Amino acid sequence: MPLTETIHRPTLHEELVERLRNLVIEDALKPGEKVPEKYLCEAFGVSRTPLREALKVLASEGLVVLQANRGARVATVTREELEKTFPIIAVLEELAGELACKNLSDAEIEKIEKRHATMIKAYRVKDRKAYFQANQDIHNALIEGARNDILETHHRLLASRVRRARFMANLSDDRWAQAIREHEQMMEKLRVRDSEGLGKLMKIHMMNKYAAHIRALNVVSEDAAED
């Protein structure tokens, strides 16, 4: 795991939570692995107290599991959790797409267009990290554009639990290319404010991510059986 620069104090808690979250989501900290608190404290230039406070946030998001007197371990994404969570998120995103088409301003849609262009550029150079960030920005903008606080709150709580799965689901070149095609179609619907069309595409897009991750889990299971 590469070291990173010291965190600036004014935004210590928020930045520490975000960096730890990214280490889990981007697979720098592996599922089931013990969180190396001493190493991370030295890498980030913080004491154990703020680090453990940040780990509590990640535990509430389902990304780590706190163990009494034994620190924390990275949570393992289970098939059962994905089966229960993804369909609900897909329905929430379908509704968000419908509402966003009606409520987003032209200026907001233009910003989403720019993020889409950034995402396409990242895809072409195979920069997965930049791609995922732009992808998340687009989905977040559509969720916020729904102008529904209850939808946004429930989506945020559920999405945090499968965010790592969504990142890893684009490992396959075929799935990545498919995801790009789906986003192109989504943008076409957004441009003409086809609320029903965008909603349906967002639901399909999410369930395709789910199917991709299930396939990835099956491959891992088969490899483990062979070992």
Protein backbone atom coordinates (compact mmCIF):
# COMPACT_ATOMS: atom_id res chain seq x y z
CA MET A 1 0.00 0.00 0.00
CA PRO A 2 1.63 3.32 -1.05
CA LEU A 3 2.08 6.07 1.50
CA THR A 4 0.15 9.27 1.02
CA GLU A 5 0.62 12.87 2.01
CA THR A 6 -0.18 14.18 5.49
CA ILE A 7 -3.76 15.38 5.95
CA HIS A 8 -4.40 19.07 6.63
CA ARG A 9 -6.08 19.68 9.98
CA PRO A 10 -9.06 21.96 9.07
CA THR A 11 -10.85 19.09 7.31
CA LEU A 12 -9.27 16.25 9.24
CA HIS A 13 -12.32 14.12 9.98
CA GLU A 14 -14.03 14.48 6.59
CA GLU A 15 -10.83 13.96 4.62
CA LEU A 16 -9.75 11.01 6.73
CA VAL A 17 -13.11 9.30 6.28
CA GLU A 18 -12.95 9.86 2.52
CA ARG A 19 -9.41 8.53 2.19
CA LEU A 20 -10.12 5.43 4.25
CA ARG A 21 -13.33 4.87 2.27
CA ASN A 22 -11.38 5.06 -1.00
CA LEU A 23 -8.77 2.56 0.26
CA VAL A 24 -11.58 0.06 0.79
CA ILE A 25 -13.55 0.86 -2.36
CA GLU A 26 -10.49 0.79 -4.62
CA ASP A 27 -9.32 -2.51 -3.11
CA ALA A 28 -6.13 -1.15 -1.52
CA LEU A 29 -7.51 -2.69 1.67
CA LYS A 30 -8.79 -6.18 0.83
CA PRO A 31 -12.02 -7.79 2.08
CA GLY A 32 -11.41 -9.58 5.37
CA GLU A 33 -8.08 -7.81 5.88
CA LYS A 34 -7.32 -6.26 9.28
CA VAL A 35 -7.14 -2.47 9.03
CA PRO A 36 -3.47 -1.55 9.75
CA GLU A 37 -4.13 1.27 12.20
CA LYS A 38 -0.50 1.98 13.12
CA TYR A 39 0.57 2.13 9.48
CA LEU A 40 -2.33 4.40 8.52
CA CYS A 41 -1.72 6.75 11.45
CA GLU A 42 1.88 7.18 10.32
CA ALA A 43 0.91 7.52 6.65
CA PHE A 44 -1.75 10.15 7.28
CA GLY A 45 0.03 11.92 10.14
CA VAL A 46 -2.82 11.44 12.63
CA SER A 47 -3.28 9.85 16.04
CA ARG A 48 -5.36 6.73 16.69
CA THR A 49 -8.31 8.72 18.06
CA PRO A 50 -9.35 10.46 14.79
CA LEU A 51 -8.54 7.30 12.83
CA ARG A 52 -10.88 5.23 15.00
CA GLU A 53 -13.59 7.89 14.77
CA ALA A 54 -13.32 7.68 10.98
CA LEU A 55 -13.49 3.87 11.13
CA LYS A 56 -16.76 4.17 13.05
CA VAL A 57 -18.22 6.07 10.09
CA LEU A 58 -17.05 3.36 7.70
CA ALA A 59 -18.57 0.74 10.00
CA SER A 60 -21.93 2.56 9.83
CA GLU A 61 -21.64 2.38 6.02
CA GLY A 62 -20.96 -1.35 6.12
CA LEU A 63 -17.42 -1.01 4.74
CA VAL A 64 -15.58 -2.23 7.84
CA VAL A 65 -16.46 -4.38 10.83
CA LEU A 66 -15.38 -3.21 14.29
CA GLN A 67 -14.16 -5.97 16.58
CA ALA A 68 -14.00 -5.51 20.36
CA ASN A 69 -10.35 -5.10 21.43
CA ARG A 70 -9.20 -6.35 18.02
CA GLY A 71 -9.49 -3.26 15.84
CA ALA A 72 -11.35 -3.33 12.53
CA ARG A 73 -11.50 -5.57 9.49
CA VAL A 74 -12.60 -4.74 5.97
CA ALA A 75 -16.10 -6.06 5.40
CA THR A 76 -16.63 -8.84 2.89
CA VAL A 77 -19.24 -8.19 0.22
CA THR A 78 -21.58 -11.15 0.28
CA ARG A 79 -23.81 -12.40 -2.50
CA GLU A 80 -26.80 -12.28 -0.14
CA GLU A 81 -26.21 -8.59 0.62
CA LEU A 82 -25.93 -7.76 -3.07
CA GLU A 83 -29.10 -9.70 -3.85
CA LYS A 84 -31.02 -7.74 -1.24
CA THR A 85 -29.52 -4.29 -1.87
CA PHE A 86 -29.05 -3.82 -5.62
CA PRO A 87 -32.73 -4.24 -6.63
CA ILE A 88 -33.75 -1.58 -4.11
CA ILE A 89 -31.07 0.83 -5.32
CA ALA A 90 -32.13 0.15 -8.91
CA VAL A 91 -35.71 1.17 -8.13
CA LEU A 92 -34.52 4.32 -6.33
CA GLU A 93 -32.36 5.26 -9.31
CA GLU A 94 -35.26 4.66 -11.68
CA LEU A 95 -37.40 7.09 -9.70
CA ALA A 96 -34.51 9.55 -9.42
CA GLY A 97 -34.06 9.52 -13.20
CA GLU A 98 -37.74 10.28 -13.74
CA LEU A 99 -37.73 13.15 -11.25
CA ALA A 100 -34.37 14.55 -12.35
CA CYS A 101 -35.59 14.93 -15.93
CA LYS A 102 -38.37 17.14 -14.66
CA ASN A 103 -36.45 19.12 -12.04
CA LEU A 104 -32.91 19.66 -13.31
CA SER A 105 -32.16 23.08 -14.79
CA ASP A 106 -30.54 23.40 -18.21
CA ALA A 107 -27.34 24.58 -16.49
CA GLU A 108 -27.31 21.48 -14.28
CA ILE A 109 -27.76 19.21 -17.27
CA GLU A 110 -24.87 20.99 -18.96
CA LYS A 111 -22.66 20.21 -15.94
CA ILE A 112 -23.65 16.55 -16.15
CA GLU A 113 -22.73 16.63 -19.85
CA LYS A 114 -19.25 17.83 -18.89
CA ARG A 115 -18.85 15.07 -16.31
CA HIS A 116 -19.98 12.59 -18.95
CA ALA A 117 -17.28 13.87 -21.31
CA THR A 118 -14.71 13.50 -18.52
CA MET A 119 -15.89 9.94 -17.90
CA ILE A 120 -15.59 9.04 -21.59
CA LYS A 121 -12.06 10.46 -21.68
CA ALA A 122 -11.08 8.39 -18.62
CA TYR A 123 -12.53 5.29 -20.24
CA ARG A 124 -10.53 5.81 -23.43
CA VAL A 125 -7.24 5.94 -21.50
CA LYS A 126 -8.38 3.15 -19.13
CA ASP A 127 -8.09 5.33 -16.03
CA ARG A 128 -10.46 3.40 -13.78
CA LYS A 129 -10.11 5.74 -10.81
CA ALA A 130 -10.96 8.87 -12.84
CA TYR A 131 -13.73 6.98 -14.61
CA PHE A 132 -15.31 5.86 -11.36
CA GLN A 133 -15.16 9.36 -9.88
CA ALA A 134 -16.84 10.93 -12.91
CA ASN A 135 -19.38 8.09 -12.95
CA GLN A 136 -20.21 8.68 -9.30
CA ASP A 137 -20.50 12.43 -9.90
CA ILE A 138 -23.06 11.80 -12.64
CA HIS A 139 -25.16 9.44 -10.55
CA ASN A 140 -24.98 11.77 -7.55
CA ALA A 141 -26.06 14.74 -9.68
CA LEU A 142 -29.07 12.79 -10.93
CA ILE A 143 -30.00 11.67 -7.41
CA GLU A 144 -29.71 15.24 -6.11
CA GLY A 145 -31.57 16.50 -9.18
CA ALA A 146 -34.60 14.47 -8.13
CA ARG A 147 -35.16 17.13 -5.42
CA ASN A 148 -36.41 14.49 -3.01
CA ASP A 149 -34.66 14.43 0.36
CA ILE A 150 -36.14 11.10 1.44
CA LEU A 151 -35.07 9.38 -1.79
CA GLU A 152 -31.60 10.87 -1.51
CA THR A 153 -31.16 9.79 2.12
CA HIS A 154 -32.20 6.19 1.51
CA HIS A 155 -30.14 5.97 -1.67
CA ARG A 156 -27.03 7.26 0.12
CA LEU A 157 -27.39 4.74 2.95
CA LEU A 158 -27.78 1.79 0.61
CA ALA A 159 -25.27 2.91 -2.02
CA SER A 160 -22.48 3.17 0.54
CA ARG A 161 -22.88 -0.54 1.26
CA VAL A 162 -22.31 -1.59 -2.35
CA ARG A 163 -20.06 1.24 -3.54
CA ARG A 164 -17.04 -1.05 -3.64
CA ALA A 165 -19.03 -3.57 -5.65
CA ARG A 166 -19.98 -0.88 -8.16
CA PHE A 167 -16.31 0.07 -8.54
CA MET A 168 -15.16 -3.50 -9.04
CA ALA A 169 -18.00 -4.38 -11.43
CA ASN A 170 -16.22 -2.64 -14.32
CA LEU A 171 -13.11 -4.84 -14.16
CA SER A 172 -14.22 -6.71 -17.28
CA ASP A 173 -13.51 -4.91 -20.55
CA ASP A 174 -16.82 -6.14 -21.94
CA ARG A 175 -18.79 -4.82 -18.97
CA TRP A 176 -16.92 -1.53 -19.06
CA ALA A 177 -17.79 -1.03 -22.73
CA GLN A 178 -21.40 -1.97 -22.01
CA ALA A 179 -21.54 0.55 -19.15
CA ILE A 180 -20.32 3.28 -21.50
CA ARG A 181 -23.05 2.45 -24.02
CA GLU A 182 -25.64 2.57 -21.25
CA HIS A 183 -24.41 5.99 -20.10
CA GLU A 184 -24.54 7.29 -23.68
CA GLN A 185 -28.17 6.18 -23.88
CA MET A 186 -28.93 7.75 -20.52
CA MET A 187 -27.50 11.07 -21.67
CA GLU A 188 -29.64 10.95 -24.81
CA LYS A 189 -32.76 10.56 -22.67
CA LEU A 190 -31.68 13.32 -20.30
CA ARG A 191 -31.03 15.78 -23.14
CA VAL A 192 -34.61 15.47 -24.37
CA ARG A 193 -36.00 15.15 -20.82
CA ASP A 194 -37.51 11.74 -21.45
CA SER A 195 -38.24 11.01 -17.79
CA GLU A 196 -39.68 7.53 -18.23
CA GLY A 197 -36.93 6.52 -20.64
CA LEU A 198 -34.13 7.74 -18.38
CA GLY A 199 -35.67 6.07 -15.35
CA LYS A 200 -35.88 2.70 -17.08
CA LEU A 201 -32.31 2.96 -18.37
CA MET A 202 -30.96 3.83 -14.92
CA LYS A 203 -32.67 0.78 -13.45
CA ILE A 204 -31.30 -1.47 -16.20
CA HIS A 205 -27.84 0.05 -15.77
CA MET A 206 -27.85 -0.73 -12.06
CA MET A 207 -29.06 -4.29 -12.48
CA ASN A 208 -26.41 -4.91 -15.14
CA LYS A 209 -23.80 -3.78 -12.61
CA TYR A 210 -25.29 -6.24 -10.15
CA ALA A 211 -25.11 -9.09 -12.70
CA ALA A 212 -21.48 -8.21 -13.49
CA HIS A 213 -20.49 -8.36 -9.85
CA ILE A 214 -22.28 -11.66 -9.30
CA ARG A 215 -20.32 -13.07 -12.24
CA ALA A 216 -17.12 -11.75 -10.68
CA LEU A 217 -17.97 -13.39 -7.35
CA ASN A 218 -18.63 -16.68 -9.13
CA VAL A 219 -15.22 -16.52 -10.83
CA VAL A 220 -13.52 -15.89 -7.48
CA SER A 221 -15.41 -18.83 -5.94
CA GLU A 222 -14.38 -21.14 -8.78
CA ASP A 223 -10.73 -20.08 -8.49
CA ALA A 224 -10.78 -20.67 -4.73
CA ALA A 225 -12.27 -24.14 -5.26
CA GLU A 226 -9.49 -25.01 -7.71
CA ASP A 227 -6.83 -23.89 -5.23
